[in-house]
Amino acid sequence: MTTLAELVRGFAALLTPAAGNDAKLTEWIATARGVDLPHLRSLTNGLETDRSAVDAAVTLPYHNGRTEGVNTRTKRIMRQMHGRAGFDLIRHRILLP
C-alpha cells in the first residue's frame, strides 16, 4: 500500500504541466511497471498507447476544459428535452444560460 501511495503521489505531481514532465513520466512508467500491481500495469499500458498526446498533456499549459464543459451542458439539456421539444426550444435553452 505504501508503494501504491507513493506512485499515486508521483503521478499526481506530473499532472501539473511543466517542461521536463515527459522524461519524468517515462521514469514513472518504468517504476510503476516494476511493481506487481495489475491495475497500474493497465494504466501504464494505456499511457503508452498514445504517448504523444500524453506528453503534450503533461508538458503544455493548454487544455480544452471549457469546451468539454459546454459539450457536457449541451448534452444534458438535450437529454432533458428529448422527445418534448423541437430544435428552436433546445437552441433557446442552450444559448440563454
PDB file of N, CA and C in Angstrom:
ATOM      1  N   MET A   1       0.831  -1.204   0.000  1.00  0.00           N
ATOM      2  CA  MET A   1       0.000   0.000   0.000  1.00  0.00           C
ATOM      3  C   MET A   1       0.870   1.261   0.000  1.00  0.00           C
ATOM      4  N   THR A   2       2.002   1.198   0.683  1.00  0.00           N
ATOM      5  CA  THR A   2       2.873   2.378   0.722  1.00  0.00           C
ATOM      6  C   THR A   2       3.440   2.671  -0.661  1.00  0.00           C
ATOM      7  N   THR A   3       3.823   1.629  -1.361  1.00  0.00           N
ATOM      8  CA  THR A   3       4.358   1.808  -2.710  1.00  0.00           C
ATOM      9  C   THR A   3       3.303   2.381  -3.636  1.00  0.00           C
ATOM     10  N   LEU A   4       2.083   1.884  -3.524  1.00  0.00           N
ATOM     11  CA  LEU A   4       0.984   2.398  -4.339  1.00  0.00           C
ATOM     12  C   LEU A   4       0.740   3.873  -4.043  1.00  0.00           C
ATOM     13  N   ALA A   5       0.738   4.236  -2.758  1.00  0.00           N
ATOM     14  CA  ALA A   5       0.519   5.636  -2.388  1.00  0.00           C
ATOM     15  C   ALA A   5       1.632   6.531  -2.943  1.00  0.00           C
ATOM     16  N   GLU A   6       2.880   6.065  -2.897  1.00  0.00           N
ATOM     17  CA  GLU A   6       3.987   6.855  -3.435  1.00  0.00           C
ATOM     18  C   GLU A   6       3.865   7.021  -4.949  1.00  0.00           C
ATOM     19  N   LEU A   7       3.473   5.953  -5.626  1.00  0.00           N
ATOM     20  CA  LEU A   7       3.311   6.039  -7.079  1.00  0.00           C
ATOM     21  C   LEU A   7       2.159   6.970  -7.456  1.00  0.00           C
ATOM     22  N   VAL A   8       1.088   6.923  -6.711  1.00  0.00           N
ATOM     23  CA  VAL A   8      -0.046   7.817  -6.992  1.00  0.00           C
ATOM     24  C   VAL A   8       0.355   9.267  -6.752  1.00  0.00           C
ATOM     25  N   ARG A   9       1.085   9.528  -5.662  1.00  0.00           N
ATOM     26  CA  ARG A   9       1.559  10.890  -5.408  1.00  0.00           C
ATOM     27  C   ARG A   9       2.494  11.360  -6.521  1.00  0.00           C
ATOM     28  N   GLY A  10       3.365  10.476  -6.978  1.00  0.00           N
ATOM     29  CA  GLY A  10       4.277  10.837  -8.070  1.00  0.00           C
ATOM     30  C   GLY A  10       3.544  11.145  -9.355  1.00  0.00           C
ATOM     31  N   PHE A  11       2.501  10.375  -9.657  1.00  0.00           N
ATOM     32  CA  PHE A  11       1.716  10.633 -10.860  1.00  0.00           C
ATOM     33  C   PHE A  11       0.930  11.935 -10.721  1.00  0.00           C
ATOM     34  N   ALA A  12       0.404  12.197  -9.537  1.00  0.00           N
ATOM     35  CA  ALA A  12      -0.335  13.446  -9.313  1.00  0.00           C
ATOM     36  C   ALA A  12       0.577  14.652  -9.510  1.00  0.00           C
ATOM     37  N   ALA A  13       1.836  14.534  -9.120  1.00  0.00           N
ATOM     38  CA  ALA A  13       2.778  15.638  -9.313  1.00  0.00           C
ATOM     39  C   ALA A  13       3.026  15.881 -10.802  1.00  0.00           C
ATOM     40  N   LEU A  14       2.921  14.847 -11.616  1.00  0.00           N
ATOM     41  CA  LEU A  14       3.135  15.003 -13.055  1.00  0.00           C
ATOM     42  C   LEU A  14       1.966  15.681 -13.760  1.00  0.00           C
ATOM     43  N   LEU A  15       0.828  15.756 -13.103  1.00  0.00           N
ATOM     44  CA  LEU A  15      -0.352  16.319 -13.753  1.00  0.00           C
ATOM     45  C   LEU A  15      -0.315  17.838 -13.851  1.00  0.00           C
ATOM     46  N   THR A  16       0.590  18.479 -13.136  1.00  0.00           N
ATOM     47  CA  THR A  16       0.778  19.915 -13.292  1.00  0.00           C
ATOM     48  C   THR A  16       1.762  20.113 -14.443  1.00  0.00           C
ATOM     49  N   PRO A  17       1.342  20.745 -15.538  1.00  0.00           N
ATOM     50  CA  PRO A  17       2.209  20.844 -16.715  1.00  0.00           C
ATOM     51  C   PRO A  17       3.523  21.569 -16.413  1.00  0.00           C
ATOM     52  N   ALA A  18       4.625  20.956 -16.808  1.00  0.00           N
ATOM     53  CA  ALA A  18       5.959  21.545 -16.669  1.00  0.00           C
ATOM     54  C   ALA A  18       6.832  21.035 -17.811  1.00  0.00           C
ATOM     55  N   ALA A  19       7.951  21.698 -18.029  1.00  0.00           N
ATOM     56  CA  ALA A  19       8.786  21.392 -19.188  1.00  0.00           C
ATOM     57  C   ALA A  19       9.402  19.998 -19.163  1.00  0.00           C
ATOM     58  N   GLY A  20       9.867  19.491 -18.037  1.00  0.00           N
ATOM     59  CA  GLY A  20      10.552  18.205 -18.017  1.00  0.00           C
ATOM     60  C   GLY A  20       9.687  17.022 -17.668  1.00  0.00           C
ATOM     61  N   ASN A  21       8.393  17.207 -17.666  1.00  0.00           N
ATOM     62  CA  ASN A  21       7.494  16.141 -17.221  1.00  0.00           C
ATOM     63  C   ASN A  21       7.463  14.922 -18.138  1.00  0.00           C
ATOM     64  N   ASP A  22       7.801  15.084 -19.410  1.00  0.00           N
ATOM     65  CA  ASP A  22       7.779  13.922 -20.293  1.00  0.00           C
ATOM     66  C   ASP A  22       8.861  12.915 -19.909  1.00  0.00           C
ATOM     67  N   ALA A  23      10.042  13.389 -19.517  1.00  0.00           N
ATOM     68  CA  ALA A  23      11.099  12.481 -19.064  1.00  0.00           C
ATOM     69  C   ALA A  23      10.736  11.866 -17.711  1.00  0.00           C
ATOM     70  N   LYS A  24      10.155  12.683 -16.836  1.00  0.00           N
ATOM     71  CA  LYS A  24       9.729  12.169 -15.525  1.00  0.00           C
ATOM     72  C   LYS A  24       8.638  11.121 -15.685  1.00  0.00           C
ATOM     73  N   LEU A  25       7.757  11.308 -16.667  1.00  0.00           N
ATOM     74  CA  LEU A  25       6.700  10.334 -16.917  1.00  0.00           C
ATOM     75  C   LEU A  25       7.283   9.003 -17.372  1.00  0.00           C
ATOM     76  N   THR A  26       8.307   9.049 -18.204  1.00  0.00           N
ATOM     77  CA  THR A  26       8.964   7.820 -18.639  1.00  0.00           C
ATOM     78  C   THR A  26       9.554   7.078 -17.449  1.00  0.00           C
ATOM     79  N   GLU A  27      10.191   7.812 -16.544  1.00  0.00           N
ATOM     80  CA  GLU A  27      10.740   7.194 -15.330  1.00  0.00           C
ATOM     81  C   GLU A  27       9.626   6.623 -14.465  1.00  0.00           C
ATOM     82  N   TRP A  28       8.522   7.362 -14.344  1.00  0.00           N
ATOM     83  CA  TRP A  28       7.407   6.905 -13.515  1.00  0.00           C
ATOM     84  C   TRP A  28       6.811   5.621 -14.087  1.00  0.00           C
ATOM     85  N   ILE A  29       6.675   5.551 -15.395  1.00  0.00           N
ATOM     86  CA  ILE A  29       6.125   4.354 -16.037  1.00  0.00           C
ATOM     87  C   ILE A  29       7.032   3.153 -15.783  1.00  0.00           C
ATOM     88  N   ALA A  30       8.340   3.365 -15.884  1.00  0.00           N
ATOM     89  CA  ALA A  30       9.282   2.262 -15.626  1.00  0.00           C
ATOM     90  C   ALA A  30       9.175   1.791 -14.177  1.00  0.00           C
ATOM     91  N   THR A  31       9.058   2.724 -13.252  1.00  0.00           N
ATOM     92  CA  THR A  31       8.924   2.365 -11.834  1.00  0.00           C
ATOM     93  C   THR A  31       7.618   1.637 -11.585  1.00  0.00           C
ATOM     94  N   ALA A  32       6.532   2.126 -12.181  1.00  0.00           N
ATOM     95  CA  ALA A  32       5.215   1.510 -11.967  1.00  0.00           C
ATOM     96  C   ALA A  32       5.153   0.111 -12.557  1.00  0.00           C
ATOM     97  N   ARG A  33       5.841  -0.113 -13.661  1.00  0.00           N
ATOM     98  CA  ARG A  33       5.848  -1.454 -14.261  1.00  0.00           C
ATOM     99  C   ARG A  33       6.674  -2.429 -13.439  1.00  0.00           C
ATOM    100  N   GLY A  34       7.610  -1.916 -12.663  1.00  0.00           N
ATOM    101  CA  GLY A  34       8.435  -2.775 -11.819  1.00  0.00           C
ATOM    102  C   GLY A  34       7.697  -3.318 -10.609  1.00  0.00           C
ATOM    103  N   VAL A  35       6.604  -2.694 -10.246  1.00  0.00           N
ATOM    104  CA  VAL A  35       5.805  -3.122  -9.091  1.00  0.00           C
ATOM    105  C   VAL A  35       4.742  -4.113  -9.573  1.00  0.00           C
ATOM    106  N   ASP A  36       4.453  -5.100  -8.767  1.00  0.00           N
ATOM    107  CA  ASP A  36       3.485  -6.130  -9.167  1.00  0.00           C
ATOM    108  C   ASP A  36       2.061  -5.706  -8.797  1.00  0.00           C
ATOM    109  N   LEU A  37       1.546  -4.703  -9.505  1.00  0.00           N
ATOM    110  CA  LEU A  37       0.170  -4.239  -9.314  1.00  0.00           C
ATOM    111  C   LEU A  37      -0.512  -4.216 -10.685  1.00  0.00           C
ATOM    112  N   PRO A  38      -1.465  -5.123 -10.931  1.00  0.00           N
ATOM    113  CA  PRO A  38      -2.053  -5.230 -12.271  1.00  0.00           C
ATOM    114  C   PRO A  38      -2.778  -3.970 -12.738  1.00  0.00           C
ATOM    115  N   HIS A  39      -3.400  -3.250 -11.827  1.00  0.00           N
ATOM    116  CA  HIS A  39      -4.133  -2.042 -12.247  1.00  0.00           C
ATOM    117  C   HIS A  39      -3.171  -0.959 -12.714  1.00  0.00           C
ATOM    118  N   LEU A  40      -2.031  -0.846 -12.057  1.00  0.00           N
ATOM    119  CA  LEU A  40      -1.032   0.122 -12.504  1.00  0.00           C
ATOM    120  C   LEU A  40      -0.428  -0.290 -13.837  1.00  0.00           C
ATOM    121  N   ARG A  41      -0.259  -1.581 -14.048  1.00  0.00           N
ATOM    122  CA  ARG A  41       0.261  -2.048 -15.334  1.00  0.00           C
ATOM    123  C   ARG A  41      -0.729  -1.684 -16.439  1.00  0.00           C
ATOM    124  N   SER A  42      -2.011  -1.811 -16.160  1.00  0.00           N
ATOM    125  CA  SER A  42      -3.033  -1.439 -17.135  1.00  0.00           C
ATOM    126  C   SER A  42      -2.970   0.061 -17.429  1.00  0.00           C
ATOM    127  N   LEU A  43      -2.781   0.875 -16.390  1.00  0.00           N
ATOM    128  CA  LEU A  43      -2.663   2.322 -16.574  1.00  0.00           C
ATOM    129  C   LEU A  43      -1.443   2.659 -17.415  1.00  0.00           C
ATOM    130  N   THR A  44      -0.323   2.043 -17.129  1.00  0.00           N
ATOM    131  CA  THR A  44       0.884   2.346 -17.901  1.00  0.00           C
ATOM    132  C   THR A  44       0.745   1.915 -19.353  1.00  0.00           C
ATOM    133  N   ASN A  45       0.057   0.802 -19.593  1.00  0.00           N
ATOM    134  CA  ASN A  45      -0.188   0.387 -20.984  1.00  0.00           C
ATOM    135  C   ASN A  45      -1.048   1.418 -21.705  1.00  0.00           C
ATOM    136  N   GLY A  46      -2.047   1.961 -21.008  1.00  0.00           N
ATOM    137  CA  GLY A  46      -2.893   2.991 -21.607  1.00  0.00           C
ATOM    138  C   GLY A  46      -2.138   4.275 -21.883  1.00  0.00           C
ATOM    139  N   LEU A  47      -1.211   4.627 -20.989  1.00  0.00           N
ATOM    140  CA  LEU A  47      -0.413   5.831 -21.200  1.00  0.00           C
ATOM    141  C   LEU A  47       0.525   5.673 -22.390  1.00  0.00           C
ATOM    142  N   GLU A  48       1.018   4.469 -22.599  1.00  0.00           N
ATOM    143  CA  GLU A  48       1.931   4.212 -23.714  1.00  0.00           C
ATOM    144  C   GLU A  48       1.207   4.125 -25.060  1.00  0.00           C
ATOM    145  N   THR A  49      -0.098   3.895 -25.045  1.00  0.00           N
ATOM    146  CA  THR A  49      -0.844   3.730 -26.288  1.00  0.00           C
ATOM    147  C   THR A  49      -0.762   4.970 -27.170  1.00  0.00           C
ATOM    148  N   ASP A  50      -1.009   6.131 -26.589  1.00  0.00           N
ATOM    149  CA  ASP A  50      -0.947   7.382 -27.355  1.00  0.00           C
ATOM    150  C   ASP A  50       0.023   8.320 -26.650  1.00  0.00           C
ATOM    151  N   ARG A  51       1.292   8.019 -26.751  1.00  0.00           N
ATOM    152  CA  ARG A  51       2.313   8.712 -25.962  1.00  0.00           C
ATOM    153  C   ARG A  51       2.435  10.191 -26.326  1.00  0.00           C
ATOM    154  N   SER A  52       2.265  10.560 -27.583  1.00  0.00           N
ATOM    155  CA  SER A  52       2.425  11.965 -27.963  1.00  0.00           C
ATOM    156  C   SER A  52       1.360  12.836 -27.299  1.00  0.00           C
ATOM    157  N   ALA A  53       0.137  12.339 -27.212  1.00  0.00           N
ATOM    158  CA  ALA A  53      -0.933  13.102 -26.564  1.00  0.00           C
ATOM    159  C   ALA A  53      -0.690  13.212 -25.070  1.00  0.00           C
ATOM    160  N   VAL A  54      -0.192  12.146 -24.457  1.00  0.00           N
ATOM    161  CA  VAL A  54       0.082  12.168 -23.019  1.00  0.00           C
ATOM    162  C   VAL A  54       1.231  13.121 -22.723  1.00  0.00           C
ATOM    163  N   ASP A  55       2.282  13.096 -23.550  1.00  0.00           N
ATOM    164  CA  ASP A  55       3.402  14.028 -23.360  1.00  0.00           C
ATOM    165  C   ASP A  55       2.939  15.475 -23.493  1.00  0.00           C
ATOM    166  N   ALA A  56       2.057  15.737 -24.446  1.00  0.00           N
ATOM    167  CA  ALA A  56       1.531  17.095 -24.608  1.00  0.00           C
ATOM    168  C   ALA A  56       0.703  17.504 -23.393  1.00  0.00           C
ATOM    169  N   ALA A  57      -0.023  16.562 -22.825  1.00  0.00           N
ATOM    170  CA  ALA A  57      -0.869  16.880 -21.674  1.00  0.00           C
ATOM    171  C   ALA A  57      -0.050  17.220 -20.438  1.00  0.00           C
ATOM    172  N   VAL A  58       1.090  16.572 -20.261  1.00  0.00           N
ATOM    173  CA  VAL A  58       1.876  16.827 -19.045  1.00  0.00           C
ATOM    174  C   VAL A  58       2.909  17.927 -19.224  1.00  0.00           C
ATOM    175  N   THR A  59       3.120  18.406 -20.452  1.00  0.00           N
ATOM    176  CA  THR A  59       4.122  19.450 -20.659  1.00  0.00           C
ATOM    177  C   THR A  59       3.527  20.797 -21.081  1.00  0.00           C
ATOM    178  N   LEU A  60       2.421  20.798 -21.796  1.00  0.00           N
ATOM    179  CA  LEU A  60       1.859  22.052 -22.310  1.00  0.00           C
ATOM    180  C   LEU A  60       0.792  22.604 -21.368  1.00  0.00           C
ATOM    181  N   PRO A  61       0.721  23.928 -21.227  1.00  0.00           N
ATOM    182  CA  PRO A  61      -0.261  24.522 -20.308  1.00  0.00           C
ATOM    183  C   PRO A  61      -1.660  24.681 -20.899  1.00  0.00           C
ATOM    184  N   TYR A  62      -1.889  24.169 -22.108  1.00  0.00           N
ATOM    185  CA  TYR A  62      -3.186  24.341 -22.762  1.00  0.00           C
ATOM    186  C   TYR A  62      -4.094  23.165 -22.448  1.00  0.00           C
ATOM    187  N   HIS A  63      -5.388  23.431 -22.386  1.00  0.00           N
ATOM    188  CA  HIS A  63      -6.358  22.360 -22.187  1.00  0.00           C
ATOM    189  C   HIS A  63      -7.690  22.773 -22.814  1.00  0.00           C
ATOM    190  N   ASN A  64      -8.585  21.827 -22.945  1.00  0.00           N
ATOM    191  CA  ASN A  64      -9.881  22.115 -23.553  1.00  0.00           C
ATOM    192  C   ASN A  64     -11.005  21.901 -22.548  1.00  0.00           C
ATOM    193  N   GLY A  65     -10.758  22.206 -21.305  1.00  0.00           N
ATOM    194  CA  GLY A  65     -11.749  22.005 -20.253  1.00  0.00           C
ATOM    195  C   GLY A  65     -13.027  22.810 -20.462  1.00  0.00           C
ATOM    196  N   ARG A  66     -12.883  24.041 -20.890  1.00  0.00           N
ATOM    197  CA  ARG A  66     -14.068  24.880 -21.100  1.00  0.00           C
ATOM    198  C   ARG A  66     -14.940  24.333 -22.226  1.00  0.00           C
ATOM    199  N   THR A  67     -14.313  23.888 -23.296  1.00  0.00           N
ATOM    200  CA  THR A  67     -15.055  23.307 -24.419  1.00  0.00           C
ATOM    201  C   THR A  67     -15.794  22.054 -23.979  1.00  0.00           C
ATOM    202  N   GLU A  68     -15.111  21.208 -23.214  1.00  0.00           N
ATOM    203  CA  GLU A  68     -15.750  19.980 -22.733  1.00  0.00           C
ATOM    204  C   GLU A  68     -16.919  20.302 -21.804  1.00  0.00           C
ATOM    205  N   GLY A  69     -16.802  21.360 -21.021  1.00  0.00           N
ATOM    206  CA  GLY A  69     -17.900  21.767 -20.150  1.00  0.00           C
ATOM    207  C   GLY A  69     -19.131  22.190 -20.934  1.00  0.00           C
ATOM    208  N   VAL A  70     -18.910  22.938 -22.022  1.00  0.00           N
ATOM    209  CA  VAL A  70     -20.025  23.356 -22.876  1.00  0.00           C
ATOM    210  C   VAL A  70     -20.666  22.136 -23.529  1.00  0.00           C
ATOM    211  N   ASN A  71     -19.838  21.187 -23.992  1.00  0.00           N
ATOM    212  CA  ASN A  71     -20.385  19.970 -24.606  1.00  0.00           C
ATOM    213  C   ASN A  71     -21.215  19.176 -23.609  1.00  0.00           C
ATOM    214  N   THR A  72     -20.735  19.043 -22.379  1.00  0.00           N
ATOM    215  CA  THR A  72     -21.465  18.302 -21.349  1.00  0.00           C
ATOM    216  C   THR A  72     -22.792  18.972 -21.041  1.00  0.00           C
ATOM    217  N   ARG A  73     -22.781  20.298 -20.933  1.00  0.00           N
ATOM    218  CA  ARG A  73     -24.023  21.043 -20.654  1.00  0.00           C
ATOM    219  C   ARG A  73     -25.024  20.869 -21.789  1.00  0.00           C
ATOM    220  N   THR A  74     -24.543  20.950 -23.031  1.00  0.00           N
ATOM    221  CA  THR A  74     -25.419  20.789 -24.192  1.00  0.00           C
ATOM    222  C   THR A  74     -26.043  19.403 -24.219  1.00  0.00           C
ATOM    223  N   LYS A  75     -25.249  18.377 -23.960  1.00  0.00           N
ATOM    224  CA  LYS A  75     -25.774  17.012 -23.957  1.00  0.00           C
ATOM    225  C   LYS A  75     -26.798  16.815 -22.841  1.00  0.00           C
ATOM    226  N   ARG A  76     -26.549  17.428 -21.679  1.00  0.00           N
ATOM    227  CA  ARG A  76     -27.504  17.311 -20.576  1.00  0.00           C
ATOM    228  C   ARG A  76     -28.837  17.950 -20.946  1.00  0.00           C
ATOM    229  N   ILE A  77     -28.801  19.129 -21.544  1.00  0.00           N
ATOM    230  CA  ILE A  77     -30.035  19.811 -21.955  1.00  0.00           C
ATOM    231  C   ILE A  77     -30.769  18.982 -23.001  1.00  0.00           C
ATOM    232  N   MET A  78     -30.036  18.420 -23.947  1.00  0.00           N
ATOM    233  CA  MET A  78     -30.683  17.618 -24.986  1.00  0.00           C
ATOM    234  C   MET A  78     -31.322  16.363 -24.398  1.00  0.00           C
ATOM    235  N   ARG A  79     -30.663  15.753 -23.397  1.00  0.00           N
ATOM    236  CA  ARG A  79     -31.263  14.579 -22.749  1.00  0.00           C
ATOM    237  C   ARG A  79     -32.539  14.960 -22.006  1.00  0.00           C
ATOM    238  N   GLN A  80     -32.532  16.116 -21.346  1.00  0.00           N
ATOM    239  CA  GLN A  80     -33.713  16.559 -20.613  1.00  0.00           C
ATOM    240  C   GLN A  80     -34.878  16.862 -21.540  1.00  0.00           C
ATOM    241  N   MET A  81     -34.579  17.384 -22.721  1.00  0.00           N
ATOM    242  CA  MET A  81     -35.625  17.823 -23.639  1.00  0.00           C
ATOM    243  C   MET A  81     -36.008  16.752 -24.658  1.00  0.00           C
ATOM    244  N   HIS A  82     -35.384  15.598 -24.607  1.00  0.00           N
ATOM    245  CA  HIS A  82     -35.598  14.567 -25.614  1.00  0.00           C
ATOM    246  C   HIS A  82     -37.080  14.217 -25.766  1.00  0.00           C
ATOM    247  N   GLY A  83     -37.597  14.333 -26.967  1.00  0.00           N
ATOM    248  CA  GLY A  83     -38.963  13.958 -27.265  1.00  0.00           C
ATOM    249  C   GLY A  83     -40.001  14.997 -26.891  1.00  0.00           C
ATOM    250  N   ARG A  84     -39.604  16.081 -26.261  1.00  0.00           N
ATOM    251  CA  ARG A  84     -40.570  17.073 -25.802  1.00  0.00           C
ATOM    252  C   ARG A  84     -40.514  18.379 -26.571  1.00  0.00           C
ATOM    253  N   ALA A  85     -39.384  18.647 -27.202  1.00  0.00           N
ATOM    254  CA  ALA A  85     -39.231  19.957 -27.821  1.00  0.00           C
ATOM    255  C   ALA A  85     -38.548  19.842 -29.173  1.00  0.00           C
ATOM    256  N   GLY A  86     -38.789  20.835 -29.972  1.00  0.00           N
ATOM    257  CA  GLY A  86     -38.137  20.894 -31.272  1.00  0.00           C
ATOM    258  C   GLY A  86     -36.808  21.618 -31.167  1.00  0.00           C
ATOM    259  N   PHE A  87     -36.191  21.789 -32.306  1.00  0.00           N
ATOM    260  CA  PHE A  87     -34.874  22.404 -32.368  1.00  0.00           C
ATOM    261  C   PHE A  87     -34.874  23.825 -31.812  1.00  0.00           C
ATOM    262  N   ASP A  88     -35.940  24.598 -32.077  1.00  0.00           N
ATOM    263  CA  ASP A  88     -35.967  26.005 -31.643  1.00  0.00           C
ATOM    264  C   ASP A  88     -35.897  26.139 -30.129  1.00  0.00           C
ATOM    265  N   LEU A  89     -36.647  25.319 -29.393  1.00  0.00           N
ATOM    266  CA  LEU A  89     -36.619  25.410 -27.937  1.00  0.00           C
ATOM    267  C   LEU A  89     -35.285  24.934 -27.371  1.00  0.00           C
ATOM    268  N   ILE A  90     -34.738  23.880 -27.939  1.00  0.00           N
ATOM    269  CA  ILE A  90     -33.436  23.410 -27.487  1.00  0.00           C
ATOM    270  C   ILE A  90     -32.367  24.474 -27.744  1.00  0.00           C
ATOM    271  N   ARG A  91     -32.415  25.082 -28.907  1.00  0.00           N
ATOM    272  CA  ARG A  91     -31.463  26.161 -29.238  1.00  0.00           C
ATOM    273  C   ARG A  91     -31.611  27.315 -28.259  1.00  0.00           C
ATOM    274  N   HIS A  92     -32.823  27.652 -27.925  1.00  0.00           N
ATOM    275  CA  HIS A  92     -33.086  28.751 -26.979  1.00  0.00           C
ATOM    276  C   HIS A  92     -32.494  28.416 -25.602  1.00  0.00           C
ATOM    277  N   ARG A  93     -32.665  27.190 -25.126  1.00  0.00           N
ATOM    278  CA  ARG A  93     -32.145  26.795 -23.812  1.00  0.00           C
ATOM    279  C   ARG A  93     -30.621  26.749 -23.793  1.00  0.00           C
ATOM    280  N   ILE A  94     -30.006  26.414 -24.916  1.00  0.00           N
ATOM    281  CA  ILE A  94     -28.552  26.350 -24.968  1.00  0.00           C
ATOM    282  C   ILE A  94     -27.950  27.753 -25.007  1.00  0.00           C
ATOM    283  N   LEU A  95     -28.546  28.632 -25.790  1.00  0.00           N
ATOM    284  CA  LEU A  95     -27.971  29.975 -25.947  1.00  0.00           C
ATOM    285  C   LEU A  95     -28.246  30.886 -24.769  1.00  0.00           C
ATOM    286  N   LEU A  96     -29.319  30.675 -24.047  1.00  0.00           N
ATOM    287  CA  LEU A  96     -29.612  31.512 -22.879  1.00  0.00           C
ATOM    288  C   LEU A  96     -29.285  30.736 -21.602  1.00  0.00           C
ATOM    289  N   PRO A  97     -28.228  31.154 -20.921  1.00  0.00           N
ATOM    290  CA  PRO A  97     -27.837  30.393 -19.707  1.00  0.00           C
ATOM    291  C   PRO A  97     -28.812  30.608 -18.652  1.00  0.00           C
TER     292      PRO A  97
END
